[in-house]
PDB file of N, CA and C in Angstrom:
ATOM      1  N   MET A   1      75.020  42.864 177.480  1.00  0.00           N
ATOM      2  CA  MET A   1      75.570  42.846 178.828  1.00  0.00           C
ATOM      3  C   MET A   1      74.402  42.851 179.811  1.00  0.00           C
ATOM      4  N   ILE A   2      74.488  41.976 180.787  1.00  0.00           N
ATOM      5  CA  ILE A   2      73.542  41.958 181.899  1.00  0.00           C
ATOM      6  C   ILE A   2      74.355  41.977 183.183  1.00  0.00           C
ATOM      7  N   CYS A   3      74.013  42.893 184.068  1.00  0.00           N
ATOM      8  CA  CYS A   3      74.684  42.989 185.359  1.00  0.00           C
ATOM      9  C   CYS A   3      73.691  42.540 186.420  1.00  0.00           C
ATOM     10  N   ARG A   4      73.908  41.392 187.007  1.00  0.00           N
ATOM     11  CA  ARG A   4      73.010  40.834 188.019  1.00  0.00           C
ATOM     12  C   ARG A   4      73.267  41.469 189.382  1.00  0.00           C
ATOM     13  N   LYS A   5      72.217  41.679 190.137  1.00  0.00           N
ATOM     14  CA  LYS A   5      72.299  42.340 191.440  1.00  0.00           C
ATOM     15  C   LYS A   5      73.367  41.714 192.335  1.00  0.00           C
ATOM     16  N   ASN A   6      73.393  40.389 192.413  1.00  0.00           N
ATOM     17  CA  ASN A   6      74.340  39.716 193.307  1.00  0.00           C
ATOM     18  C   ASN A   6      75.782  39.755 192.799  1.00  0.00           C
ATOM     19  N   GLU A   7      75.997  40.261 191.575  1.00  0.00           N
ATOM     20  CA  GLU A   7      77.336  40.352 191.010  1.00  0.00           C
ATOM     21  C   GLU A   7      77.865  41.787 190.983  1.00  0.00           C
ATOM     22  N   LEU A   8      77.043  42.763 191.403  1.00  0.00           N
ATOM     23  CA  LEU A   8      77.467  44.157 191.363  1.00  0.00           C
ATOM     24  C   LEU A   8      78.520  44.423 192.434  1.00  0.00           C
ATOM     25  N   GLU A   9      79.543  45.183 192.045  1.00  0.00           N
ATOM     26  CA  GLU A   9      80.618  45.529 192.976  1.00  0.00           C
ATOM     27  C   GLU A   9      80.155  46.639 193.913  1.00  0.00           C
ATOM     28  N   CYS A  10      80.381  46.436 195.209  1.00  0.00           N
ATOM     29  CA  CYS A  10      80.058  47.439 196.226  1.00  0.00           C
ATOM     30  C   CYS A  10      81.327  47.772 197.011  1.00  0.00           C
ATOM     31  N   PHE A  11      81.465  49.052 197.373  1.00  0.00           N
ATOM     32  CA  PHE A  11      82.620  49.470 198.167  1.00  0.00           C
ATOM     33  C   PHE A  11      82.297  50.775 198.878  1.00  0.00           C
ATOM     34  N   GLU A  12      83.052  51.060 199.950  1.00  0.00           N
ATOM     35  CA  GLU A  12      82.921  52.312 200.691  1.00  0.00           C
ATOM     36  C   GLU A  12      84.206  53.093 200.562  1.00  0.00           C
ATOM     37  N   LYS A  13      84.061  54.423 200.525  1.00  0.00           N
ATOM     38  CA  LYS A  13      85.236  55.262 200.319  1.00  0.00           C
ATOM     39  C   LYS A  13      84.987  56.655 200.880  1.00  0.00           C
ATOM     40  N   GLU A  14      86.032  57.246 201.490  1.00  0.00           N
ATOM     41  CA  GLU A  14      85.979  58.655 201.855  1.00  0.00           C
ATOM     42  C   GLU A  14      86.138  59.445 200.565  1.00  0.00           C
ATOM     43  N   MET A  15      85.341  60.505 200.421  1.00  0.00           N
ATOM     44  CA  MET A  15      85.325  61.219 199.142  1.00  0.00           C
ATOM     45  C   MET A  15      85.696  62.689 199.293  1.00  0.00           C
ATOM     46  N   PHE A  16      86.851  63.051 198.792  1.00  0.00           N
ATOM     47  CA  PHE A  16      87.296  64.438 198.681  1.00  0.00           C
ATOM     48  C   PHE A  16      87.249  65.188 200.012  1.00  0.00           C
ATOM     49  N   GLY A  17      87.637  64.516 201.077  1.00  0.00           N
ATOM     50  CA  GLY A  17      87.737  65.156 202.380  1.00  0.00           C
ATOM     51  C   GLY A  17      86.422  65.348 203.117  1.00  0.00           C
ATOM     52  N   GLY A  18      85.335  64.853 202.549  1.00  0.00           N
ATOM     53  CA  GLY A  18      84.039  64.952 203.231  1.00  0.00           C
ATOM     54  C   GLY A  18      84.004  64.036 204.437  1.00  0.00           C
ATOM     55  N   PRO A  19      83.200  64.366 205.456  1.00  0.00           N
ATOM     56  CA  PRO A  19      83.099  63.498 206.633  1.00  0.00           C
ATOM     57  C   PRO A  19      82.417  62.176 206.298  1.00  0.00           C
ATOM     58  N   GLY A  20      82.792  61.130 207.004  1.00  0.00           N
ATOM     59  CA  GLY A  20      82.185  59.819 206.795  1.00  0.00           C
ATOM     60  C   GLY A  20      82.630  59.192 205.492  1.00  0.00           C
ATOM     61  N   THR A  21      81.904  58.165 205.081  1.00  0.00           N
ATOM     62  CA  THR A  21      82.204  57.466 203.838  1.00  0.00           C
ATOM     63  C   THR A  21      80.960  57.420 202.965  1.00  0.00           C
ATOM     64  N   THR A  22      81.190  57.159 201.692  1.00  0.00           N
ATOM     65  CA  THR A  22      80.113  56.955 200.731  1.00  0.00           C
ATOM     66  C   THR A  22      80.121  55.483 200.363  1.00  0.00           C
ATOM     67  N   CYS A  23      78.963  54.853 200.380  1.00  0.00           N
ATOM     68  CA  CYS A  23      78.819  53.455 199.973  1.00  0.00           C
ATOM     69  C   CYS A  23      78.370  53.441 198.512  1.00  0.00           C
ATOM     70  N   PHE A  24      79.165  52.822 197.639  1.00  0.00           N
ATOM     71  CA  PHE A  24      78.878  52.781 196.212  1.00  0.00           C
ATOM     72  C   PHE A  24      78.505  51.383 195.759  1.00  0.00           C
ATOM     73  N   THR A  25      77.570  51.303 194.824  1.00  0.00           N
ATOM     74  CA  THR A  25      77.270  50.087 194.085  1.00  0.00           C
ATOM     75  C   THR A  25      77.422  50.426 192.611  1.00  0.00           C
ATOM     76  N   LYS A  26      78.343  49.747 191.924  1.00  0.00           N
ATOM     77  CA  LYS A  26      78.541  49.992 190.492  1.00  0.00           C
ATOM     78  C   LYS A  26      77.370  49.377 189.728  1.00  0.00           C
ATOM     79  N   ILE A  27      76.577  50.225 189.067  1.00  0.00           N
ATOM     80  CA  ILE A  27      75.453  49.733 188.263  1.00  0.00           C
ATOM     81  C   ILE A  27      75.989  49.095 186.990  1.00  0.00           C
ATOM     82  N   VAL A  28      76.892  49.809 186.323  1.00  0.00           N
ATOM     83  CA  VAL A  28      77.543  49.318 185.108  1.00  0.00           C
ATOM     84  C   VAL A  28      79.030  49.616 185.258  1.00  0.00           C
ATOM     85  N   PRO A  29      79.897  48.635 185.049  1.00  0.00           N
ATOM     86  CA  PRO A  29      81.332  48.907 185.139  1.00  0.00           C
ATOM     87  C   PRO A  29      81.775  49.829 184.003  1.00  0.00           C
ATOM     88  N   GLU A  30      82.915  50.482 184.193  1.00  0.00           N
ATOM     89  CA  GLU A  30      83.416  51.449 183.211  1.00  0.00           C
ATOM     90  C   GLU A  30      83.473  50.868 181.798  1.00  0.00           C
ATOM     91  N   GLU A  31      83.903  49.629 181.665  1.00  0.00           N
ATOM     92  CA  GLU A  31      84.009  49.029 180.333  1.00  0.00           C
ATOM     93  C   GLU A  31      82.652  48.889 179.649  1.00  0.00           C
ATOM     94  N   GLY A  32      81.571  48.942 180.403  1.00  0.00           N
ATOM     95  CA  GLY A  32      80.232  48.871 179.827  1.00  0.00           C
ATOM     96  C   GLY A  32      79.691  50.216 179.373  1.00  0.00           C
ATOM     97  N   LEU A  33      80.460  51.288 179.563  1.00  0.00           N
ATOM     98  CA  LEU A  33      80.007  52.633 179.190  1.00  0.00           C
ATOM     99  C   LEU A  33      80.500  53.063 177.808  1.00  0.00           C
ATOM    100  N   GLY A  34      81.107  52.148 177.081  1.00  0.00           N
ATOM    101  CA  GLY A  34      81.470  52.393 175.692  1.00  0.00           C
ATOM    102  C   GLY A  34      82.416  53.557 175.461  1.00  0.00           C
ATOM    103  N   GLY A  35      83.290  53.833 176.435  1.00  0.00           N
ATOM    104  CA  GLY A  35      84.233  54.919 176.283  1.00  0.00           C
ATOM    105  C   GLY A  35      83.610  56.304 176.420  1.00  0.00           C
ATOM    106  N   LYS A  36      82.332  56.374 176.791  1.00  0.00           N
ATOM    107  CA  LYS A  36      81.623  57.656 176.916  1.00  0.00           C
ATOM    108  C   LYS A  36      81.648  58.207 178.337  1.00  0.00           C
ATOM    109  N   GLY A  37      82.038  57.359 179.296  1.00  0.00           N
ATOM    110  CA  GLY A  37      82.060  57.790 180.689  1.00  0.00           C
ATOM    111  C   GLY A  37      82.865  56.825 181.525  1.00  0.00           C
ATOM    112  N   ARG A  38      82.979  57.143 182.836  1.00  0.00           N
ATOM    113  CA  ARG A  38      83.788  56.290 183.700  1.00  0.00           C
ATOM    114  C   ARG A  38      83.054  55.792 184.932  1.00  0.00           C
ATOM    115  N   LEU A  39      81.830  56.285 185.183  1.00  0.00           N
ATOM    116  CA  LEU A  39      81.162  55.891 186.415  1.00  0.00           C
ATOM    117  C   LEU A  39      79.651  55.940 186.243  1.00  0.00           C
ATOM    118  N   PHE A  40      78.982  54.885 186.689  1.00  0.00           N
ATOM    119  CA  PHE A  40      77.516  54.811 186.726  1.00  0.00           C
ATOM    120  C   PHE A  40      77.190  54.000 187.972  1.00  0.00           C
ATOM    121  N   ASN A  41      76.955  54.694 189.090  1.00  0.00           N
ATOM    122  CA  ASN A  41      76.814  54.061 190.403  1.00  0.00           C
ATOM    123  C   ASN A  41      75.551  54.512 191.127  1.00  0.00           C
ATOM    124  N   ILE A  42      75.150  53.698 192.087  1.00  0.00           N
ATOM    125  CA  ILE A  42      74.218  54.145 193.118  1.00  0.00           C
ATOM    126  C   ILE A  42      75.087  54.443 194.330  1.00  0.00           C
ATOM    127  N   ALA A  43      74.848  55.584 194.962  1.00  0.00           N
ATOM    128  CA  ALA A  43      75.641  55.998 196.116  1.00  0.00           C
ATOM    129  C   ALA A  43      74.721  56.220 197.309  1.00  0.00           C
ATOM    130  N   LEU A  44      75.259  55.965 198.500  1.00  0.00           N
ATOM    131  CA  LEU A  44      74.501  56.151 199.721  1.00  0.00           C
ATOM    132  C   LEU A  44      75.356  56.895 200.736  1.00  0.00           C
ATOM    133  N   LEU A  45      74.797  57.992 201.232  1.00  0.00           N
ATOM    134  CA  LEU A  45      75.434  58.781 202.292  1.00  0.00           C
ATOM    135  C   LEU A  45      74.594  58.659 203.554  1.00  0.00           C
ATOM    136  N   LYS A  46      75.216  58.249 204.645  1.00  0.00           N
ATOM    137  CA  LYS A  46      74.549  58.216 205.954  1.00  0.00           C
ATOM    138  C   LYS A  46      74.407  59.662 206.452  1.00  0.00           C
ATOM    139  N   PRO A  47      73.478  59.923 207.386  1.00  0.00           N
ATOM    140  CA  PRO A  47      73.345  61.277 207.931  1.00  0.00           C
ATOM    141  C   PRO A  47      74.693  61.820 208.430  1.00  0.00           C
ATOM    142  N   GLY A  48      74.998  63.051 208.047  1.00  0.00           N
ATOM    143  CA  GLY A  48      76.247  63.697 208.438  1.00  0.00           C
ATOM    144  C   GLY A  48      77.420  63.413 207.522  1.00  0.00           C
ATOM    145  N   SER A  49      77.280  62.452 206.613  1.00  0.00           N
ATOM    146  CA  SER A  49      78.362  62.121 205.675  1.00  0.00           C
ATOM    147  C   SER A  49      78.275  63.007 204.435  1.00  0.00           C
ATOM    148  N   ALA A  50      79.406  63.153 203.744  1.00  0.00           N
ATOM    149  CA  ALA A  50      79.430  64.037 202.576  1.00  0.00           C
ATOM    150  C   ALA A  50      80.471  63.602 201.561  1.00  0.00           C
ATOM    151  N   ILE A  51      80.209  63.975 200.320  1.00  0.00           N
ATOM    152  CA  ILE A  51      81.211  63.972 199.266  1.00  0.00           C
ATOM    153  C   ILE A  51      81.715  65.407 199.230  1.00  0.00           C
ATOM    154  N   GLY A  52      82.972  65.607 199.586  1.00  0.00           N
ATOM    155  CA  GLY A  52      83.530  66.952 199.659  1.00  0.00           C
ATOM    156  C   GLY A  52      83.540  67.641 198.304  1.00  0.00           C
ATOM    157  N   PRO A  53      83.510  68.967 198.297  1.00  0.00           N
ATOM    158  CA  PRO A  53      83.542  69.713 197.038  1.00  0.00           C
ATOM    159  C   PRO A  53      84.791  69.373 196.219  1.00  0.00           C
ATOM    160  N   HIS A  54      84.583  69.188 194.924  1.00  0.00           N
ATOM    161  CA  HIS A  54      85.659  68.855 194.001  1.00  0.00           C
ATOM    162  C   HIS A  54      85.289  69.350 192.600  1.00  0.00           C
ATOM    163  N   THR A  55      86.292  69.479 191.747  1.00  0.00           N
ATOM    164  CA  THR A  55      86.114  70.002 190.390  1.00  0.00           C
ATOM    165  C   THR A  55      86.277  68.884 189.372  1.00  0.00           C
ATOM    166  N   HIS A  56      85.448  68.917 188.326  1.00  0.00           N
ATOM    167  CA  HIS A  56      85.558  67.947 187.235  1.00  0.00           C
ATOM    168  C   HIS A  56      86.262  68.585 186.051  1.00  0.00           C
ATOM    169  N   LYS A  57      87.188  67.832 185.466  1.00  0.00           N
ATOM    170  CA  LYS A  57      87.950  68.285 184.292  1.00  0.00           C
ATOM    171  C   LYS A  57      87.804  67.238 183.186  1.00  0.00           C
ATOM    172  N   GLY A  58      87.288  67.664 182.039  1.00  0.00           N
ATOM    173  CA  GLY A  58      87.117  66.745 180.914  1.00  0.00           C
ATOM    174  C   GLY A  58      85.929  65.812 181.070  1.00  0.00           C
ATOM    175  N   GLU A  59      85.066  66.119 182.024  1.00  0.00           N
ATOM    176  CA  GLU A  59      83.897  65.269 182.274  1.00  0.00           C
ATOM    177  C   GLU A  59      82.824  66.080 182.998  1.00  0.00           C
ATOM    178  N   LYS A  60      81.618  65.539 183.024  1.00  0.00           N
ATOM    179  CA  LYS A  60      80.516  66.124 183.774  1.00  0.00           C
ATOM    180  C   LYS A  60      79.922  65.040 184.659  1.00  0.00           C
ATOM    181  N   GLU A  61      79.311  65.434 185.775  1.00  0.00           N
ATOM    182  CA  GLU A  61      78.692  64.457 186.670  1.00  0.00           C
ATOM    183  C   GLU A  61      77.254  64.853 186.946  1.00  0.00           C
ATOM    184  N   ILE A  62      76.390  63.852 186.876  1.00  0.00           N
ATOM    185  CA  ILE A  62      74.958  64.026 187.109  1.00  0.00           C
ATOM    186  C   ILE A  62      74.564  63.197 188.324  1.00  0.00           C
ATOM    187  N   TYR A  63      73.816  63.801 189.243  1.00  0.00           N
ATOM    188  CA  TYR A  63      73.230  63.086 190.379  1.00  0.00           C
ATOM    189  C   TYR A  63      71.712  63.098 190.203  1.00  0.00           C
ATOM    190  N   TYR A  64      71.093  61.945 190.438  1.00  0.00           N
ATOM    191  CA  TYR A  64      69.632  61.848 190.516  1.00  0.00           C
ATOM    192  C   TYR A  64      69.314  61.354 191.925  1.00  0.00           C
ATOM    193  N   ILE A  65      68.685  62.203 192.715  1.00  0.00           N
ATOM    194  CA  ILE A  65      68.412  61.878 194.117  1.00  0.00           C
ATOM    195  C   ILE A  65      67.227  60.916 194.192  1.00  0.00           C
ATOM    196  N   LEU A  66      67.462  59.742 194.768  1.00  0.00           N
ATOM    197  CA  LEU A  66      66.430  58.708 194.892  1.00  0.00           C
ATOM    198  C   LEU A  66      65.680  58.787 196.216  1.00  0.00           C
ATOM    199  N   GLU A  67      66.417  58.999 197.300  1.00  0.00           N
ATOM    200  CA  GLU A  67      65.827  59.012 198.647  1.00  0.00           C
ATOM    201  C   GLU A  67      66.570  60.019 199.510  1.00  0.00           C
ATOM    202  N   GLY A  68      65.856  60.622 200.451  1.00  0.00           N
ATOM    203  CA  GLY A  68      66.479  61.489 201.429  1.00  0.00           C
ATOM    204  C   GLY A  68      66.598  62.927 200.969  1.00  0.00           C
ATOM    205  N   GLN A  69      67.449  63.657 201.679  1.00  0.00           N
ATOM    206  CA  GLN A  69      67.670  65.072 201.384  1.00  0.00           C
ATOM    207  C   GLN A  69      69.111  65.422 201.686  1.00  0.00           C
ATOM    208  N   GLY A  70      69.561  66.537 201.116  1.00  0.00           N
ATOM    209  CA  GLY A  70      70.930  66.953 201.348  1.00  0.00           C
ATOM    210  C   GLY A  70      71.145  68.399 200.989  1.00  0.00           C
ATOM    211  N   LEU A  71      72.391  68.806 201.125  1.00  0.00           N
ATOM    212  CA  LEU A  71      72.818  70.145 200.773  1.00  0.00           C
ATOM    213  C   LEU A  71      73.870  69.997 199.680  1.00  0.00           C
ATOM    214  N   TYR A  72      73.533  70.476 198.479  1.00  0.00           N
ATOM    215  CA  TYR A  72      74.385  70.335 197.298  1.00  0.00           C
ATOM    216  C   TYR A  72      75.238  71.583 197.118  1.00  0.00           C
ATOM    217  N   THR A  73      76.532  71.394 196.938  1.00  0.00           N
ATOM    218  CA  THR A  73      77.428  72.501 196.603  1.00  0.00           C
ATOM    219  C   THR A  73      77.457  72.630 195.093  1.00  0.00           C
ATOM    220  N   ASP A  74      77.002  73.782 194.596  1.00  0.00           N
ATOM    221  CA  ASP A  74      76.998  74.086 193.164  1.00  0.00           C
ATOM    222  C   ASP A  74      77.924  75.278 192.967  1.00  0.00           C
ATOM    223  N   ASN A  75      79.197  74.977 192.687  1.00  0.00           N
ATOM    224  CA  ASN A  75      80.254  75.991 192.641  1.00  0.00           C
ATOM    225  C   ASN A  75      80.309  76.694 193.994  1.00  0.00           C
ATOM    226  N   ASP A  76      79.877  77.937 194.113  1.00  0.00           N
ATOM    227  CA  ASP A  76      79.959  78.662 195.384  1.00  0.00           C
ATOM    228  C   ASP A  76      78.626  78.751 196.122  1.00  0.00           C
ATOM    229  N   ARG A  77      77.605  78.062 195.637  1.00  0.00           N
ATOM    230  CA  ARG A  77      76.277  78.120 196.268  1.00  0.00           C
ATOM    231  C   ARG A  77      75.956  76.803 196.968  1.00  0.00           C
ATOM    232  N   GLN A  78      75.202  76.874 198.050  1.00  0.00           N
ATOM    233  CA  GLN A  78      74.698  75.705 198.769  1.00  0.00           C
ATOM    234  C   GLN A  78      73.192  75.636 198.500  1.00  0.00           C
ATOM    235  N   ILE A  79      72.736  74.525 197.926  1.00  0.00           N
ATOM    236  CA  ILE A  79      71.346  74.401 197.511  1.00  0.00           C
ATOM    237  C   ILE A  79      70.746  73.122 198.111  1.00  0.00           C
ATOM    238  N   PRO A  80      69.608  73.221 198.821  1.00  0.00           N
ATOM    239  CA  PRO A  80      68.941  72.019 199.335  1.00  0.00           C
ATOM    240  C   PRO A  80      68.436  71.157 198.168  1.00  0.00           C
ATOM    241  N   VAL A  81      68.606  69.829 198.300  1.00  0.00           N
ATOM    242  CA  VAL A  81      68.083  68.877 197.316  1.00  0.00           C
ATOM    243  C   VAL A  81      67.340  67.775 198.051  1.00  0.00           C
ATOM    244  N   LYS A  82      66.404  67.140 197.317  1.00  0.00           N
ATOM    245  CA  LYS A  82      65.609  66.048 197.903  1.00  0.00           C
ATOM    246  C   LYS A  82      65.269  65.044 196.806  1.00  0.00           C
ATOM    247  N   ALA A  83      64.642  63.946 197.198  1.00  0.00           N
ATOM    248  CA  ALA A  83      64.268  62.886 196.257  1.00  0.00           C
ATOM    249  C   ALA A  83      63.548  63.470 195.045  1.00  0.00           C
ATOM    250  N   GLY A  84      63.980  63.044 193.863  1.00  0.00           N
ATOM    251  CA  GLY A  84      63.406  63.510 192.611  1.00  0.00           C
ATOM    252  C   GLY A  84      64.203  64.613 191.944  1.00  0.00           C
ATOM    253  N   ASP A  85      65.121  65.260 192.685  1.00  0.00           N
ATOM    254  CA  ASP A  85      65.936  66.330 192.114  1.00  0.00           C
ATOM    255  C   ASP A  85      67.093  65.748 191.299  1.00  0.00           C
ATOM    256  N   VAL A  86      67.532  66.528 190.301  1.00  0.00           N
ATOM    257  CA  VAL A  86      68.672  66.175 189.462  1.00  0.00           C
ATOM    258  C   VAL A  86      69.663  67.328 189.507  1.00  0.00           C
ATOM    259  N   THR A  87      70.937  67.012 189.692  1.00  0.00           N
ATOM    260  CA  THR A  87      71.989  68.021 189.658  1.00  0.00           C
ATOM    261  C   THR A  87      72.936  67.689 188.516  1.00  0.00           C
ATOM    262  N   VAL A  88      73.500  68.723 187.901  1.00  0.00           N
ATOM    263  CA  VAL A  88      74.470  68.533 186.824  1.00  0.00           C
ATOM    264  C   VAL A  88      75.674  69.416 187.110  1.00  0.00           C
ATOM    265  N   CYS A  89      76.833  68.802 187.203  1.00  0.00           N
ATOM    266  CA  CYS A  89      78.099  69.513 187.371  1.00  0.00           C
ATOM    267  C   CYS A  89      78.829  69.429 186.035  1.00  0.00           C
ATOM    268  N   GLU A  90      78.899  70.562 185.343  1.00  0.00           N
ATOM    269  CA  GLU A  90      79.525  70.605 184.019  1.00  0.00           C
ATOM    270  C   GLU A  90      81.051  70.581 184.126  1.00  0.00           C
ATOM    271  N   ASP A  91      81.694  70.299 183.023  1.00  0.00           N
ATOM    272  CA  ASP A  91      83.155  70.308 182.916  1.00  0.00           C
ATOM    273  C   ASP A  91      83.711  71.629 183.450  1.00  0.00           C
ATOM    274  N   GLY A  92      84.668  71.557 184.371  1.00  0.00           N
ATOM    275  CA  GLY A  92      85.293  72.736 184.941  1.00  0.00           C
ATOM    276  C   GLY A  92      84.573  73.308 186.151  1.00  0.00           C
ATOM    277  N   GLU A  93      83.403  72.771 186.478  1.00  0.00           N
ATOM    278  CA  GLU A  93      82.658  73.249 187.640  1.00  0.00           C
ATOM    279  C   GLU A  93      82.979  72.419 188.874  1.00  0.00           C
ATOM    280  N   ARG A  94      82.530  72.919 190.028  1.00  0.00           N
ATOM    281  CA  ARG A  94      82.821  72.312 191.332  1.00  0.00           C
ATOM    282  C   ARG A  94      81.503  71.932 192.010  1.00  0.00           C
ATOM    283  N   HIS A  95      81.494  70.760 192.649  1.00  0.00           N
ATOM    284  CA  HIS A  95      80.295  70.336 193.376  1.00  0.00           C
ATOM    285  C   HIS A  95      80.640  69.416 194.530  1.00  0.00           C
ATOM    286  N   GLY A  96      79.667  69.198 195.410  1.00  0.00           N
ATOM    287  CA  GLY A  96      79.771  68.288 196.535  1.00  0.00           C
ATOM    288  C   GLY A  96      78.370  68.038 197.066  1.00  0.00           C
ATOM    289  N   LEU A  97      78.233  67.104 197.993  1.00  0.00           N
ATOM    290  CA  LEU A  97      76.917  66.769 198.529  1.00  0.00           C
ATOM    291  C   LEU A  97      77.042  66.317 199.973  1.00  0.00           C
ATOM    292  N   LEU A  98      76.267  66.941 200.850  1.00  0.00           N
ATOM    293  CA  LEU A  98      76.214  66.618 202.276  1.00  0.00           C
ATOM    294  C   LEU A  98      74.839  66.085 202.617  1.00  0.00           C
ATOM    295  N   ASN A  99      74.788  64.957 203.327  1.00  0.00           N
ATOM    296  CA  ASN A  99      73.515  64.477 203.859  1.00  0.00           C
ATOM    297  C   ASN A  99      73.256  65.225 205.155  1.00  0.00           C
ATOM    298  N   ASP A 100      72.388  66.227 205.095  1.00  0.00           N
ATOM    299  CA  ASP A 100      72.045  67.002 206.283  1.00  0.00           C
ATOM    300  C   ASP A 100      70.704  66.577 206.871  1.00  0.00           C
ATOM    301  N   GLY A 101      70.196  65.420 206.433  1.00  0.00           N
ATOM    302  CA  GLY A 101      68.917  64.913 206.917  1.00  0.00           C
ATOM    303  C   GLY A 101      69.084  63.899 208.037  1.00  0.00           C
ATOM    304  N   GLN A 102      67.970  63.289 208.411  1.00  0.00           N
ATOM    305  CA  GLN A 102      67.936  62.300 209.491  1.00  0.00           C
ATOM    306  C   GLN A 102      67.948  60.864 208.971  1.00  0.00           C
ATOM    307  N   SER A 103      67.825  60.690 207.649  1.00  0.00           N
ATOM    308  CA  SER A 103      67.816  59.344 207.062  1.00  0.00           C
ATOM    309  C   SER A 103      68.861  59.280 205.949  1.00  0.00           C
ATOM    310  N   ASP A 104      69.071  58.094 205.408  1.00  0.00           N
ATOM    311  CA  ASP A 104      70.051  57.899 204.345  1.00  0.00           C
ATOM    312  C   ASP A 104      69.707  58.739 203.115  1.00  0.00           C
ATOM    313  N   LEU A 105      70.739  59.210 202.424  1.00  0.00           N
ATOM    314  CA  LEU A 105      70.604  59.917 201.154  1.00  0.00           C
ATOM    315  C   LEU A 105      71.133  58.983 200.077  1.00  0.00           C
ATOM    316  N   LYS A 106      70.248  58.572 199.176  1.00  0.00           N
ATOM    317  CA  LYS A 106      70.594  57.612 198.131  1.00  0.00           C
ATOM    318  C   LYS A 106      70.420  58.292 196.776  1.00  0.00           C
ATOM    319  N   PHE A 107      71.416  58.122 195.896  1.00  0.00           N
ATOM    320  CA  PHE A 107      71.341  58.779 194.593  1.00  0.00           C
ATOM    321  C   PHE A 107      72.109  58.000 193.537  1.00  0.00           C
ATOM    322  N   VAL A 108      71.758  58.251 192.281  1.00  0.00           N
ATOM    323  CA  VAL A 108      72.487  57.717 191.139  1.00  0.00           C
ATOM    324  C   VAL A 108      73.530  58.745 190.751  1.00  0.00           C
ATOM    325  N   ALA A 109      74.748  58.300 190.488  1.00  0.00           N
ATOM    326  CA  ALA A 109      75.831  59.176 190.033  1.00  0.00           C
ATOM    327  C   ALA A 109      76.326  58.664 188.680  1.00  0.00           C
ATOM    328  N   LEU A 110      76.390  59.576 187.714  1.00  0.00           N
ATOM    329  CA  LEU A 110      76.840  59.239 186.362  1.00  0.00           C
ATOM    330  C   LEU A 110      77.896  60.246 185.946  1.00  0.00           C
ATOM    331  N   ILE A 111      79.084  59.763 185.568  1.00  0.00           N
ATOM    332  CA  ILE A 111      80.141  60.633 185.064  1.00  0.00           C
ATOM    333  C   ILE A 111      80.352  60.309 183.584  1.00  0.00           C
ATOM    334  N   LEU A 112      80.180  61.349 182.744  1.00  0.00           N
ATOM    335  CA  LEU A 112      80.363  61.237 181.300  1.00  0.00           C
ATOM    336  C   LEU A 112      81.524  62.103 180.865  1.00  0.00           C
ATOM    337  N   TYR A 113      82.301  61.617 179.895  1.00  0.00           N
ATOM    338  CA  TYR A 113      83.395  62.402 179.339  1.00  0.00           C
ATOM    339  C   TYR A 113      82.836  63.498 178.442  1.00  0.00           C
ATOM    340  N   THR A 114      83.459  64.679 178.464  1.00  0.00           N
ATOM    341  CA  THR A 114      83.000  65.786 177.629  1.00  0.00           C
ATOM    342  C   THR A 114      83.878  65.961 176.403  1.00  0.00           C
ATOM    343  N   ASN A 115      85.013  65.298 176.326  1.00  0.00           N
ATOM    344  CA  ASN A 115      85.908  65.422 175.168  1.00  0.00           C
ATOM    345  C   ASN A 115      85.757  64.223 174.266  1.00  0.00           C
TER     346      ASN A 115
END
C-alpha cells in the first residue's frame, strides 16, 4: 500500500465539545491498519482550539507532538506539552488537548485497539 500526499483525505471536525475545529489528514485509512486500530492521522489545532476531554474504551490513543505547544488533559491533570512530546491515553482513561500557544499545534494521532 502506498498513500500519496495528493490522495490523502483531509477534513475538519469539532471534537468532543472543544472550541474550534481540528483539521485532520488521514495518513493511513482504517483498512490499512490490519484490524489493529482505527485511526492514524496528522491533526492540526489552531490557537485556542481544542479536542475536548473524552474517554477511550477498548482502545488506546497516542499523540506525538510535531509542532507548537498545548495543554494536555491526562485524566484529572493538566500537563503542558510541546514539540517532541508523546502522550499515551490507555484503555479506560480520559484525555484532551488544547492549543494554548500562539501558533498552530500539529501532532500525529494513532488509535490502536486493546482487545
